[in-house]
N, C-alpha and C. Protein backbone atom coordinates (compact mmCIF):
# COMPACT_ATOMS: atom_id res chain seq x y z
N MET A 1 -41.72 -47.84 129.04
CA MET A 1 -41.06 -49.10 129.83
C MET A 1 -39.38 -49.51 128.95
N LYS A 2 -38.75 -49.89 130.41
CA LYS A 2 -37.61 -50.02 129.88
C LYS A 2 -37.49 -51.30 129.22
N PRO A 3 -36.19 -51.54 128.32
CA PRO A 3 -35.85 -52.75 127.33
C PRO A 3 -35.32 -53.62 128.25
N VAL A 4 -35.59 -55.18 127.96
CA VAL A 4 -34.75 -56.53 128.33
C VAL A 4 -33.77 -56.57 127.13
N ILE A 5 -32.49 -57.10 127.77
CA ILE A 5 -31.50 -57.50 126.64
C ILE A 5 -31.70 -58.82 126.84
N THR A 6 -31.42 -59.76 125.73
CA THR A 6 -31.14 -61.17 125.87
C THR A 6 -29.92 -61.48 124.92
N ILE A 7 -29.10 -62.36 125.87
CA ILE A 7 -27.92 -62.96 125.33
C ILE A 7 -28.32 -64.31 125.25
N GLU A 8 -28.25 -64.88 124.01
CA GLU A 8 -28.62 -66.33 123.58
C GLU A 8 -26.99 -67.05 123.41
N TYR A 9 -26.62 -67.84 124.46
CA TYR A 9 -25.65 -68.53 124.03
C TYR A 9 -25.38 -70.06 124.07
N CYS A 10 -24.65 -70.36 123.24
CA CYS A 10 -24.32 -72.19 123.15
C CYS A 10 -23.53 -72.37 124.42
N PRO A 11 -24.53 -73.56 125.29
CA PRO A 11 -23.86 -73.52 126.44
C PRO A 11 -22.54 -74.79 126.06
N LYS A 12 -22.97 -75.37 125.24
CA LYS A 12 -21.72 -76.66 124.85
C LYS A 12 -20.52 -75.91 124.14
N CYS A 13 -20.29 -74.62 123.58
CA CYS A 13 -19.18 -73.85 123.33
C CYS A 13 -18.21 -73.38 124.56
N GLY A 14 -18.90 -73.49 125.35
CA GLY A 14 -18.43 -72.69 126.62
C GLY A 14 -18.41 -71.34 126.64
N TRP A 15 -19.65 -70.68 126.17
CA TRP A 15 -20.07 -69.27 126.50
C TRP A 15 -20.73 -68.40 127.52
N MET A 16 -20.75 -69.53 128.22
CA MET A 16 -21.71 -68.70 129.30
C MET A 16 -21.02 -67.78 130.10
N LEU A 17 -19.62 -68.41 130.47
CA LEU A 17 -18.75 -66.95 131.32
C LEU A 17 -18.70 -65.82 130.27
N ARG A 18 -18.74 -65.60 129.27
CA ARG A 18 -18.44 -64.37 128.21
C ARG A 18 -19.88 -63.88 128.12
N SER A 19 -20.99 -64.67 128.10
CA SER A 19 -22.41 -64.08 128.27
C SER A 19 -22.49 -63.26 129.70
N ALA A 20 -21.82 -63.93 130.52
CA ALA A 20 -22.22 -63.43 132.17
C ALA A 20 -21.40 -62.08 131.69
N TYR A 21 -20.10 -62.23 131.29
CA TYR A 21 -19.26 -61.01 131.56
C TYR A 21 -19.79 -59.74 130.42
N PHE A 22 -20.64 -59.90 129.58
CA PHE A 22 -21.72 -59.19 128.74
C PHE A 22 -22.63 -58.50 129.49
N ALA A 23 -23.35 -59.43 130.27
CA ALA A 23 -24.37 -59.04 130.98
C ALA A 23 -23.48 -58.04 132.36
N GLN A 24 -22.78 -57.96 133.00
CA GLN A 24 -22.02 -57.62 134.09
C GLN A 24 -22.06 -56.01 133.07
N GLU A 25 -21.53 -55.96 132.13
CA GLU A 25 -20.83 -55.08 131.70
C GLU A 25 -22.44 -54.36 131.14
N LEU A 26 -23.09 -54.66 130.64
CA LEU A 26 -24.35 -53.59 130.09
C LEU A 26 -24.85 -53.42 131.62
N LEU A 27 -25.15 -54.22 132.63
CA LEU A 27 -26.02 -53.73 133.58
C LEU A 27 -25.18 -52.85 134.41
N SER A 28 -24.07 -52.59 134.57
CA SER A 28 -23.26 -51.62 135.00
C SER A 28 -23.40 -50.21 134.65
N THR A 29 -22.77 -50.41 133.06
CA THR A 29 -23.18 -49.11 132.45
C THR A 29 -24.72 -48.80 132.13
N PHE A 30 -25.62 -49.40 132.07
CA PHE A 30 -26.65 -49.32 131.91
C PHE A 30 -28.03 -49.26 132.97
N SER A 31 -27.62 -49.38 134.01
CA SER A 31 -28.22 -49.65 135.16
C SER A 31 -29.67 -48.89 135.56
N ASP A 32 -29.88 -47.69 134.87
CA ASP A 32 -30.89 -46.46 134.81
C ASP A 32 -31.71 -47.13 133.61
N ASP A 33 -31.51 -47.76 132.92
CA ASP A 33 -31.86 -47.78 131.17
C ASP A 33 -32.33 -48.96 130.99
N LEU A 34 -32.22 -50.35 131.55
CA LEU A 34 -32.67 -51.33 131.62
C LEU A 34 -33.25 -51.95 132.36
N LYS A 35 -34.61 -52.84 131.98
CA LYS A 35 -35.06 -53.36 133.04
C LYS A 35 -34.10 -54.62 133.54
N GLY A 36 -33.17 -55.51 132.66
CA GLY A 36 -32.51 -56.43 133.13
C GLY A 36 -31.78 -57.03 131.56
N VAL A 37 -31.34 -57.86 131.81
CA VAL A 37 -30.56 -58.75 131.06
C VAL A 37 -30.96 -60.14 131.02
N LEU A 38 -31.15 -60.92 130.13
CA LEU A 38 -31.35 -62.10 130.61
C LEU A 38 -30.21 -62.90 129.71
N LEU A 39 -30.07 -64.10 130.67
CA LEU A 39 -28.73 -65.15 129.85
C LEU A 39 -29.76 -66.35 129.58
N GLN A 40 -29.45 -67.10 128.21
CA GLN A 40 -30.70 -67.62 127.82
C GLN A 40 -29.57 -69.02 126.90
N PRO A 41 -29.31 -70.15 127.32
CA PRO A 41 -28.95 -71.23 126.99
C PRO A 41 -29.74 -71.26 125.66
N SER A 42 -28.85 -71.54 124.14
CA SER A 42 -29.66 -72.25 122.87
C SER A 42 -29.51 -73.33 123.12
N GLU A 43 -30.61 -73.86 122.27
CA GLU A 43 -30.54 -75.53 122.05
C GLU A 43 -29.26 -75.71 120.52
N GLN A 44 -29.36 -74.56 119.92
CA GLN A 44 -28.45 -74.67 119.03
C GLN A 44 -27.38 -74.22 118.90
N SER A 45 -26.48 -75.42 118.32
CA SER A 45 -24.92 -75.24 118.27
C SER A 45 -24.31 -73.70 117.83
N GLY A 46 -23.56 -73.25 118.52
CA GLY A 46 -22.86 -72.36 117.65
C GLY A 46 -23.68 -70.98 117.84
N THR A 47 -24.86 -70.81 118.74
CA THR A 47 -25.22 -69.70 118.53
C THR A 47 -24.73 -68.30 119.60
N PHE A 48 -24.82 -67.60 119.05
CA PHE A 48 -23.97 -66.53 120.28
C PHE A 48 -25.31 -64.74 119.26
N GLN A 49 -25.99 -64.59 120.01
CA GLN A 49 -27.04 -63.20 119.57
C GLN A 49 -27.16 -62.68 120.80
N ILE A 50 -27.48 -61.37 120.60
CA ILE A 50 -27.75 -60.01 121.45
C ILE A 50 -29.20 -59.59 121.22
N LYS A 51 -30.11 -59.55 121.71
CA LYS A 51 -31.44 -58.96 121.40
C LYS A 51 -31.78 -57.73 122.19
N ILE A 52 -32.51 -56.73 121.71
CA ILE A 52 -32.97 -56.00 122.50
C ILE A 52 -34.24 -55.85 122.41
N ASP A 53 -35.24 -56.20 123.29
CA ASP A 53 -36.61 -56.56 123.51
C ASP A 53 -36.26 -57.79 122.15
N ASP A 54 -37.23 -57.85 121.37
CA ASP A 54 -37.00 -58.85 120.18
C ASP A 54 -36.12 -58.24 118.77
N LYS A 55 -35.14 -57.10 118.84
CA LYS A 55 -34.46 -56.91 117.99
C LYS A 55 -33.19 -56.94 118.09
N LEU A 56 -32.72 -57.75 116.93
CA LEU A 56 -31.39 -58.58 117.13
C LEU A 56 -30.41 -57.29 116.83
N ILE A 57 -29.19 -57.50 117.86
CA ILE A 57 -28.57 -56.24 117.60
C ILE A 57 -26.85 -57.00 117.51
N PHE A 58 -27.08 -58.09 117.67
CA PHE A 58 -25.62 -58.95 117.51
C PHE A 58 -25.85 -60.08 117.07
N ASP A 59 -25.04 -60.78 116.02
CA ASP A 59 -24.90 -62.19 115.71
C ASP A 59 -23.91 -62.56 115.34
N ARG A 60 -22.87 -63.48 116.30
CA ARG A 60 -21.85 -64.19 116.23
C ARG A 60 -21.58 -64.39 114.59
N VAL A 61 -22.57 -65.29 114.23
CA VAL A 61 -22.24 -65.96 112.96
C VAL A 61 -21.98 -64.63 111.82
N ILE A 62 -23.36 -63.88 111.41
CA ILE A 62 -22.95 -62.59 110.54
C ILE A 62 -21.60 -61.95 110.82
N ALA A 63 -21.49 -61.70 112.35
CA ALA A 63 -20.09 -60.86 112.42
C ALA A 63 -18.80 -61.64 112.02
N GLY A 64 -19.15 -62.87 112.55
CA GLY A 64 -17.81 -63.31 112.19
C GLY A 64 -17.05 -63.78 113.36
N GLY A 65 -17.54 -63.40 114.33
CA GLY A 65 -16.51 -63.04 115.84
C GLY A 65 -17.48 -62.57 116.97
N PHE A 66 -17.00 -62.29 118.14
CA PHE A 66 -17.53 -61.93 119.00
C PHE A 66 -17.19 -59.99 118.82
N PRO A 67 -18.10 -59.73 119.59
CA PRO A 67 -17.82 -57.85 119.65
C PRO A 67 -17.19 -57.84 121.11
N GLU A 68 -16.20 -56.77 120.59
CA GLU A 68 -15.53 -56.11 121.71
C GLU A 68 -16.70 -55.10 122.48
N ILE A 69 -16.33 -55.09 123.89
CA ILE A 69 -17.22 -54.50 124.97
C ILE A 69 -17.60 -53.13 124.43
N LYS A 70 -16.54 -52.24 124.14
CA LYS A 70 -16.85 -50.86 123.54
C LYS A 70 -18.02 -51.02 122.51
N GLU A 71 -17.85 -51.84 121.39
CA GLU A 71 -18.72 -51.91 120.24
C GLU A 71 -20.27 -52.23 120.66
N LEU A 72 -20.26 -53.33 121.87
CA LEU A 72 -21.50 -53.39 122.28
C LEU A 72 -21.81 -52.50 123.14
N LYS A 73 -21.41 -51.39 123.82
CA LYS A 73 -22.08 -50.87 124.80
C LYS A 73 -22.38 -49.73 123.77
N GLN A 74 -21.76 -49.44 122.60
CA GLN A 74 -22.46 -48.50 121.68
C GLN A 74 -23.25 -48.45 121.08
N ARG A 75 -23.55 -50.16 120.65
CA ARG A 75 -24.82 -50.19 120.10
C ARG A 75 -26.30 -50.47 120.82
N VAL A 76 -25.93 -50.76 122.22
CA VAL A 76 -26.59 -50.66 123.34
C VAL A 76 -27.53 -48.93 123.14
N ARG A 77 -26.09 -48.28 123.45
CA ARG A 77 -26.72 -46.59 123.82
C ARG A 77 -27.52 -46.55 122.88
N ASP A 78 -27.30 -46.37 121.27
CA ASP A 78 -27.73 -46.01 120.16
C ASP A 78 -29.03 -46.25 120.56
N ILE A 79 -29.31 -47.49 120.79
CA ILE A 79 -31.06 -47.88 121.01
C ILE A 79 -31.66 -47.44 122.24
N VAL A 80 -30.91 -47.62 123.48
CA VAL A 80 -31.61 -47.29 124.74
C VAL A 80 -31.87 -45.72 125.27
N ASN A 81 -30.56 -45.62 124.85
CA ASN A 81 -30.48 -44.21 125.21
C ASN A 81 -29.50 -43.28 124.45
N PRO A 82 -29.72 -43.05 123.51
CA PRO A 82 -28.99 -42.10 122.65
C PRO A 82 -28.05 -40.94 123.10
N GLU A 83 -28.37 -40.45 124.08
CA GLU A 83 -27.80 -39.15 124.43
C GLU A 83 -26.61 -39.40 125.66
N LYS A 84 -26.60 -40.89 126.09
CA LYS A 84 -25.91 -41.46 127.03
C LYS A 84 -24.45 -41.16 126.72
N SER A 85 -23.61 -40.47 127.32
CA SER A 85 -22.02 -40.85 127.15
C SER A 85 -21.66 -41.99 127.41
N LEU A 86 -20.54 -42.54 127.12
CA LEU A 86 -19.96 -43.21 127.56
C LEU A 86 -18.28 -43.36 127.87
N GLY A 87 -18.28 -42.22 128.19
CA GLY A 87 -16.68 -41.67 128.81
C GLY A 87 -15.47 -42.20 127.33
N HIS A 88 -15.18 -43.04 127.89
CA HIS A 88 -13.44 -43.80 127.01
C HIS A 88 -14.23 -44.45 126.10
N SER A 89 -15.14 -45.21 126.60
CA SER A 89 -16.12 -45.84 125.39
C SER A 89 -16.58 -45.43 124.27
N ASP A 90 -16.93 -43.91 124.11
CA ASP A 90 -17.43 -43.82 123.12
C ASP A 90 -16.64 -43.27 121.75
N ARG A 91 -17.34 -43.23 120.75
CA ARG A 91 -16.66 -42.96 119.48
C ARG A 91 -15.87 -41.51 119.34
N LYS A 92 -14.59 -41.55 118.72
CA LYS A 92 -14.31 -40.27 118.83
C LYS A 92 -14.22 -39.34 117.53
């Protein structure tokens, strides 16, 4: 079964557009590997977390900021399709 990515974001912080951008990038790159991407407004201020199914792969508080899209795609790829080439976004 294909995984679902959940992006939980703080709407009070104005992070909905960032979440939508990340969702668009992930759906474009992993269209054959994902069931979907869910944007979930958080009730807790300052939240920005990304999960694959129930596995936390990114937390803004722990990381001290937001991920670069290249880093996020690598993290997702490593879980959903480790053999997938990300082209110019791949690690060297």
